[in-house]
Protein backbone atom coordinates (compact mmCIF):
# COMPACT_ATOMS: atom_id res chain seq x y z
CA MET A 1 26.66 30.32 49.27
CA SER A 2 23.48 31.38 49.42
CA PHE A 3 20.71 28.95 47.22
CA THR A 4 17.74 31.29 47.82
CA PHE A 5 17.75 32.14 43.87
CA LEU A 6 16.37 28.91 43.06
CA LEU A 7 13.02 29.65 45.03
CA GLN A 8 12.97 32.85 43.07
CA ILE A 9 9.81 33.10 41.01
CA THR A 10 9.65 35.43 38.01
CA THR A 11 6.58 37.24 37.58
CA GLY A 12 4.65 38.99 34.20
CA GLU A 13 4.95 38.07 30.62
CA ALA A 14 7.78 36.04 29.26
CA PRO A 15 9.72 38.40 26.59
CA ALA A 16 8.84 38.00 23.20
CA THR A 17 11.00 35.50 21.26
CA GLY A 18 10.01 37.20 17.48
CA VAL A 19 9.06 33.84 15.68
CA LYS A 20 6.18 34.44 13.90
CA ASP A 21 3.84 31.16 13.44
CA VAL A 22 3.52 30.62 9.75
CA PRO A 23 0.62 28.34 8.71
CA ILE A 24 1.20 25.14 6.78
CA TRP A 25 -0.15 26.61 3.26
CA ASP A 26 1.84 29.19 3.21
CA ILE A 27 5.12 27.32 3.46
CA ILE A 28 3.67 24.67 0.75
CA ASP A 29 2.72 27.65 -1.22
CA GLN A 30 6.48 29.35 -0.97
CA SER A 31 7.65 26.15 -1.90
CA ASN A 32 6.23 26.35 -5.15
CA GLY A 33 8.34 28.33 -6.51
CA GLY A 34 9.95 27.41 -10.13
CA ILE A 35 9.23 24.21 -10.75
CA GLY A 36 8.73 23.22 -7.10
CA TRP A 37 4.76 22.86 -7.94
CA LEU A 38 5.32 20.21 -10.34
CA ILE A 39 6.98 18.62 -8.05
CA ASN A 40 4.58 18.94 -4.92
CA LEU A 41 1.87 18.29 -7.85
CA ILE A 42 3.39 14.98 -8.75
CA LEU A 43 3.70 13.68 -5.15
CA LEU A 44 0.23 14.41 -4.37
CA LEU A 45 -1.11 12.45 -7.12
CA MET A 46 1.25 9.52 -6.22
CA PHE A 47 0.37 10.21 -2.27
CA GLY A 48 -3.51 10.04 -3.61
CA TYR A 49 -3.24 7.24 -5.91
CA ALA A 50 -1.26 5.39 -3.29
CA ILE A 51 -4.58 5.80 -0.53
CA PHE A 52 -6.91 4.50 -3.16
CA VAL A 53 -4.75 1.51 -4.24
CA PHE A 54 -4.26 0.72 -0.44
CA VAL A 55 -7.99 0.73 0.45
CA GLU A 56 -9.66 -0.66 -2.38
CA ARG A 57 -6.74 -3.71 -2.21
CA TYR A 58 -7.60 -4.41 1.54
CA LEU A 59 -11.44 -4.30 0.77
CA ALA A 60 -10.51 -6.96 -1.86
CA LEU A 61 -8.47 -9.41 0.39
CA SER A 62 -10.56 -8.89 3.32
CA LYS A 63 -13.28 -10.32 1.22
CA ALA A 64 -11.18 -12.68 -0.19
CA SER A 65 -9.59 -13.93 3.20
CA LYS A 66 -13.12 -14.14 4.88
CA GLU A 67 -13.54 -17.73 4.95
CA GLU A 68 -17.09 -19.12 4.81
CA GLN A 69 -18.35 -21.49 7.58
CA GLY A 70 -18.05 -25.01 6.55
CA PHE A 71 -17.84 -24.42 2.52
CA LEU A 72 -14.91 -26.55 1.98
CA GLU A 73 -16.67 -29.19 4.04
CA ARG A 74 -19.94 -28.90 1.94
CA ILE A 75 -18.19 -28.74 -1.19
CA LYS A 76 -16.25 -32.53 0.18
CA THR A 77 -19.53 -33.93 1.41
CA SER A 78 -21.31 -33.19 -1.98
CA ILE A 79 -18.81 -34.57 -4.33
CA SER A 80 -18.31 -37.86 -1.73
CA ASN A 81 -21.97 -38.41 -2.44
CA GLY A 82 -21.23 -37.57 -5.88
CA ARG A 83 -23.80 -34.75 -6.32
CA ILE A 84 -20.89 -32.72 -8.91
CA ASP A 85 -23.76 -30.00 -9.98
CA GLU A 86 -24.30 -29.48 -6.16
CA ALA A 87 -20.57 -28.77 -5.65
CA LYS A 88 -20.07 -26.75 -8.71
CA ALA A 89 -23.42 -24.49 -7.64
CA LEU A 90 -21.90 -23.75 -4.09
CA CYS A 91 -19.08 -22.78 -5.88
CA ASP A 92 -20.91 -20.50 -8.06
CA ALA A 93 -22.29 -19.05 -5.41
CA SER A 94 -19.13 -17.76 -4.15
CA GLN A 95 -16.99 -15.24 -5.01
CA SER A 96 -13.90 -16.40 -3.28
CA PRO A 97 -10.65 -16.98 -5.10
CA ILE A 98 -10.69 -20.38 -3.33
CA ALA A 99 -14.56 -21.29 -4.93
CA ARG A 100 -13.25 -20.34 -8.23
CA MET A 101 -10.24 -22.22 -8.19
CA LEU A 102 -12.43 -25.52 -6.85
CA ALA A 103 -14.88 -24.59 -9.45
CA LYS A 104 -12.48 -25.29 -11.99
CA GLY A 105 -11.37 -28.51 -10.91
CA ILE A 106 -14.95 -29.61 -10.05
CA SER A 107 -15.43 -29.28 -13.70
CA ARG A 108 -12.55 -31.29 -14.75
CA ILE A 109 -13.54 -34.41 -12.29
CA GLY A 110 -13.22 -37.67 -14.12
CA ALA A 111 -10.00 -36.61 -15.96
CA LYS A 112 -6.69 -37.95 -14.72
CA ASN A 113 -5.97 -36.79 -11.39
CA GLU A 114 -2.65 -34.84 -12.40
CA SER A 115 -4.81 -32.86 -14.76
CA ILE A 116 -6.94 -31.75 -12.12
CA ALA A 117 -4.38 -31.16 -10.14
CA ALA A 118 -2.55 -29.18 -12.87
CA THR A 119 -5.82 -27.02 -13.46
CA ILE A 120 -6.11 -26.32 -9.87
CA GLU A 121 -2.59 -24.92 -10.02
CA ASN A 122 -2.85 -22.91 -12.64
CA THR A 123 -5.99 -21.50 -11.65
CA GLY A 124 -4.96 -20.78 -8.41
CA LYS A 125 -2.14 -18.68 -9.78
CA PHE A 126 -4.27 -16.84 -11.89
CA GLU A 127 -6.25 -16.15 -8.84
CA ILE A 128 -2.99 -14.84 -7.23
CA LEU A 129 -2.05 -12.55 -9.85
CA ARG A 130 -5.86 -10.92 -9.22
CA LEU A 131 -5.08 -10.27 -5.60
CA GLU A 132 -1.88 -8.62 -6.60
CA GLN A 133 -3.11 -6.22 -9.11
CA ARG A 134 -1.94 -2.53 -8.71
CA LEU A 135 0.21 -4.08 -5.79
CA ASN A 136 3.45 -2.86 -7.70
CA TYR A 137 2.35 0.69 -7.98
CA LEU A 138 2.67 0.96 -4.05
CA ALA A 139 6.37 -0.95 -4.13
CA THR A 140 7.27 1.57 -6.77
CA ALA A 141 6.07 4.73 -5.04
CA ALA A 142 7.93 3.50 -1.86
CA GLY A 143 11.35 3.63 -3.91
CA ALA A 144 10.44 6.61 -6.36
CA ALA A 145 8.82 9.19 -3.78
CA PRO A 146 11.85 9.83 -2.08
CA MET A 147 13.97 10.02 -5.07
CA ILE A 148 11.49 12.73 -6.69
CA GLY A 149 11.60 14.49 -3.12
CA PHE A 150 15.05 14.68 -3.28
CA LEU A 151 15.31 15.80 -6.86
CA GLY A 152 13.10 18.68 -5.26
CA THR A 153 16.04 19.13 -3.07
CA THR A 154 18.30 19.43 -5.77
CA VAL A 155 16.20 22.19 -7.78
CA GLY A 156 15.47 24.17 -4.23
CA MET A 157 19.12 24.03 -3.71
CA VAL A 158 20.19 25.41 -7.59
CA VAL A 159 17.45 27.99 -7.24
CA VAL A 160 18.75 29.22 -3.93
CA PHE A 161 22.52 29.72 -5.54
CA ILE A 162 20.83 31.14 -8.57
CA ASP A 163 18.81 33.96 -6.16
CA LEU A 164 22.27 34.48 -4.55
CA GLN A 165 24.29 34.89 -7.93
CA ASN A 166 21.79 37.31 -8.83
CA ALA A 167 20.90 39.29 -5.64
CA THR A 168 22.68 42.69 -4.45
CA SER A 169 22.38 41.92 -0.77
CA LEU A 170 22.08 38.68 1.32
CA GLU A 171 18.78 38.29 2.71
CA LEU A 172 16.76 35.74 4.18
CA LYS A 173 13.81 36.42 2.06
CA ILE A 174 15.92 35.98 -1.10
CA ILE A 175 16.77 32.39 -0.37
CA ALA A 176 13.52 31.38 1.56
CA PRO A 177 11.64 30.44 -1.45
CA GLY A 178 14.65 27.80 -2.92
CA ILE A 179 14.79 26.53 0.72
CA MET A 180 11.13 25.82 1.42
CA THR A 181 11.30 23.56 -2.08
CA ALA A 182 14.32 21.73 -1.23
CA MET A 183 12.68 20.77 2.41
CA VAL A 184 8.84 20.83 1.42
CA THR A 185 9.55 18.46 -1.29
CA THR A 186 12.16 15.92 0.43
CA VAL A 187 9.53 15.74 3.40
CA ALA A 188 6.75 15.17 1.17
CA GLY A 189 8.95 12.35 -0.86
CA LEU A 190 9.48 10.58 2.50
CA ILE A 191 6.16 10.76 3.48
CA VAL A 192 4.39 9.16 0.31
CA GLY A 193 7.42 6.76 0.31
CA ILE A 194 7.19 5.90 3.87
CA ILE A 195 3.27 5.06 3.69
CA SER A 196 3.49 3.22 0.36
CA PHE A 197 6.41 1.09 1.60
CA MET A 198 4.44 0.22 4.83
CA GLY A 199 0.98 -0.22 2.78
CA TYR A 200 2.50 -2.79 0.44
CA ASN A 201 4.19 -4.81 2.90
CA PHE A 202 0.62 -4.84 5.06
CA LEU A 203 -1.22 -6.31 2.07
CA VAL A 204 1.58 -8.52 0.92
CA GLY A 205 0.90 -10.58 4.88
CA LYS A 206 -2.65 -10.31 3.82
CA ILE A 207 -2.18 -11.78 0.11
CA GLY A 208 0.09 -14.88 1.95
CA LYS A 209 -2.94 -15.58 4.32
CA VAL A 210 -5.31 -16.02 1.27
CA VAL A 211 -2.51 -17.82 -0.54
CA TYR A 212 -1.90 -20.33 2.64
CA GLN A 213 -6.04 -20.79 2.44
CA MET A 214 -6.13 -21.57 -1.33
CA GLU A 215 -3.58 -24.29 -0.75
CA ASN A 216 -4.74 -25.97 1.44
CA ALA A 217 -8.41 -26.26 0.21
CA ALA A 218 -6.19 -27.23 -2.86
CA LEU A 219 -4.71 -29.81 -0.58
CA GLU A 220 -7.98 -31.32 0.80
CA PHE A 221 -9.74 -31.35 -2.63
CA MET A 222 -7.08 -33.26 -4.30
CA ASP A 223 -6.89 -36.09 -1.06
CA LEU A 224 -10.60 -36.52 -1.61
CA LEU A 225 -9.61 -37.23 -4.96
CA ASN A 226 -7.08 -39.20 -4.23
CA GLN A 227 -9.00 -41.81 -1.81
CA PRO A 228 -9.90 -45.09 -3.30
CA GLY A 229 -12.65 -45.55 -5.16
CA LYS A 230 -12.82 -41.79 -6.07
């Protein structure tokens, strides 16, 4: 048996496949049939706002988690030396959640430690709520976007069956718009959902870091007040 055919090289151009390259914008345009345009518009707006929320919260959390070098130590030194006004000024000069939380505690120095601890705890909860603002949108978009995409899939298939029912002959160009609506909206919904889900979990992790820093600062502050003679 001869294996020389394995060494043969085909020369010349490959036969044409007949497949036509279609620009992505043309595919999206074809998916806008019926109410497909409305679903695509909703998903586009959701995507744009999800990107805005992620970038805005990322910058805010990065700023909040950036701990100033020696800030807590300067606060403790000022309080230990009885310079309460100096400690307040240090907190007012900083815009971090930790500084705002400690400022409330410093303003209550002289009251019972239980009252100071309650003030710090309530302020800390309020600061956490500020850190989490608009974050619930990403959680909502992560679940709602794929469902909206699936709605587009259902609508697209309904359009396909209606077109088939009204067609006199079966041609691909008749059912193509409905199929495009079904497929494009599904892909768009999944993209928005995945990005929102990943962004939400990433930001939750950064919030956890800030919360840890706030809890550590509150504990050190209360330990200082609970020292004998304070």
